Amino acid sequence: MRPLALVLFCVASTALAAWSPVFAQARLPRAAAATRMTCAEAMDLVKREGDVVIAVGPAPERFVRGRNQCDFSEIAELRFVPTKDNPQCPIGYRCREPGFEEWNW
């Protein structure tokens, strides 16, 4: 029984090692700076990439194309950021957890 368990363990760990590079290649969001782009360029970047980290003010924020890029428990909130040509450009959505008062009881 023990040799069989050892063989099964070796086969399983070999298969896992072969697939680990596939799982390690998860796509990270692209980074950019909003003040260096026009409003149209920023909106196109978010639309094209789907998930982008953009430097807005002191801390970068994650912007997404739509609700389907957010976690199940998050809501998508439209965000306006300053760009090179527009002080309030609606470039995309920010995923956030809803507050207690926002739940529809």
Protein backbone atom coordinates (compact mmCIF):
# COMPACT_ATOMS: atom_id res chain seq x y z
CA MET A 1 0.00 0.00 0.00
CA ARG A 2 2.78 2.43 0.82
CA PRO A 3 4.63 2.11 -2.53
CA LEU A 4 1.36 2.77 -4.37
CA ALA A 5 0.70 5.88 -2.29
CA LEU A 6 4.24 7.11 -3.00
CA VAL A 7 3.80 6.57 -6.73
CA LEU A 8 0.48 8.41 -6.72
CA PHE A 9 2.02 11.28 -4.76
CA CYS A 10 4.92 11.53 -7.24
CA VAL A 11 2.57 11.52 -10.22
CA ALA A 12 0.33 14.17 -8.68
CA SER A 13 3.24 16.44 -7.72
CA THR A 14 4.79 16.09 -11.19
CA ALA A 15 1.51 17.07 -12.82
CA LEU A 16 1.17 20.01 -10.46
CA ALA A 17 4.72 21.17 -11.20
CA ALA A 18 4.02 21.00 -14.93
CA TRP A 19 0.92 23.19 -14.60
CA SER A 20 2.33 25.72 -12.10
CA PRO A 21 3.80 28.06 -14.79
CA VAL A 22 0.34 28.30 -16.33
CA PHE A 23 -1.17 29.45 -13.04
CA ALA A 24 1.76 31.77 -12.28
CA GLN A 25 1.13 33.79 -15.44
CA ALA A 26 -1.91 35.60 -14.06
CA ARG A 27 -2.36 38.92 -15.83
CA LEU A 28 -1.52 41.93 -13.70
CA PRO A 29 -3.24 45.26 -14.33
CA ARG A 30 -1.34 47.71 -16.50
CA ALA A 31 -0.04 50.88 -14.79
CA ALA A 32 -0.33 54.43 -16.21
CA ALA A 33 -0.55 58.09 -15.15
CA ALA A 34 -3.80 59.95 -15.86
CA THR A 35 -2.32 63.46 -16.05
CA ARG A 36 -0.06 62.45 -18.95
CA MET A 37 -2.97 61.28 -21.13
CA THR A 38 -5.94 62.95 -22.77
CA CYS A 39 -9.41 61.95 -21.66
CA ALA A 40 -9.98 59.93 -24.84
CA GLU A 41 -6.67 58.09 -24.41
CA ALA A 42 -7.41 57.23 -20.76
CA MET A 43 -10.93 56.01 -21.57
CA ASP A 44 -9.58 53.93 -24.46
CA LEU A 45 -6.88 52.41 -22.25
CA VAL A 46 -9.41 51.26 -19.65
CA LYS A 47 -11.78 50.01 -22.36
CA ARG A 48 -9.03 48.13 -24.21
CA GLU A 49 -7.21 46.63 -21.18
CA GLY A 50 -10.26 46.05 -18.97
CA ASP A 51 -8.23 46.36 -15.74
CA VAL A 52 -5.77 49.25 -15.31
CA VAL A 53 -3.92 50.81 -12.38
CA ILE A 54 -3.73 54.58 -12.89
CA ALA A 55 -1.82 57.08 -10.78
CA VAL A 56 -4.37 59.63 -9.59
CA GLY A 57 -3.11 61.98 -6.90
CA PRO A 58 -0.92 60.52 -4.14
CA ALA A 59 -2.02 56.88 -4.53
CA PRO A 60 -2.72 54.76 -7.61
CA GLU A 61 -6.22 53.40 -8.15
CA ARG A 62 -7.53 50.38 -10.04
CA PHE A 63 -10.01 51.17 -12.80
CA VAL A 64 -12.06 48.57 -14.65
CA ARG A 65 -14.15 48.47 -17.81
CA GLY A 66 -17.28 47.17 -16.16
CA ARG A 67 -18.95 45.35 -13.31
CA ASN A 68 -17.72 41.95 -14.46
CA GLN A 69 -14.12 42.83 -13.44
CA CYS A 70 -15.20 43.40 -9.81
CA ASP A 71 -15.48 40.72 -7.14
CA PHE A 72 -18.91 39.27 -6.43
CA SER A 73 -19.34 41.32 -3.25
CA GLU A 74 -18.17 44.61 -4.79
CA ILE A 75 -20.04 47.30 -6.70
CA ALA A 76 -18.74 49.30 -9.67
CA GLU A 77 -18.70 53.05 -9.11
CA LEU A 78 -18.10 55.46 -12.01
CA ARG A 79 -14.98 57.54 -11.37
CA PHE A 80 -13.98 60.92 -12.76
CA VAL A 81 -10.26 61.77 -12.78
CA PRO A 82 -8.27 64.77 -14.04
CA THR A 83 -6.49 64.18 -17.33
CA LYS A 84 -4.34 66.40 -19.54
CA ASP A 85 -7.34 68.00 -21.27
CA ASN A 86 -10.31 67.38 -18.93
CA PRO A 87 -10.47 68.02 -15.16
CA GLN A 88 -13.31 65.48 -14.75
CA CYS A 89 -12.87 62.65 -17.23
CA PRO A 90 -15.14 59.58 -16.75
CA ILE A 91 -12.48 56.99 -17.56
CA GLY A 92 -14.02 53.90 -15.98
CA TYR A 93 -15.24 52.25 -12.82
CA ARG A 94 -13.72 51.59 -9.41
CA CYS A 95 -14.61 48.40 -7.57
CA ARG A 96 -15.48 48.87 -3.90
CA GLU A 97 -17.31 47.16 -1.10
CA PRO A 98 -20.69 48.77 -0.44
CA GLY A 99 -21.21 50.40 2.93
CA PHE A 100 -23.74 49.11 5.44
CA GLU A 101 -26.17 51.94 4.61
CA GLU A 102 -26.10 51.02 0.91
CA TRP A 103 -27.52 47.53 1.33
CA ASN A 104 -31.16 47.24 0.32
CA TRP A 105 -32.69 45.63 3.41
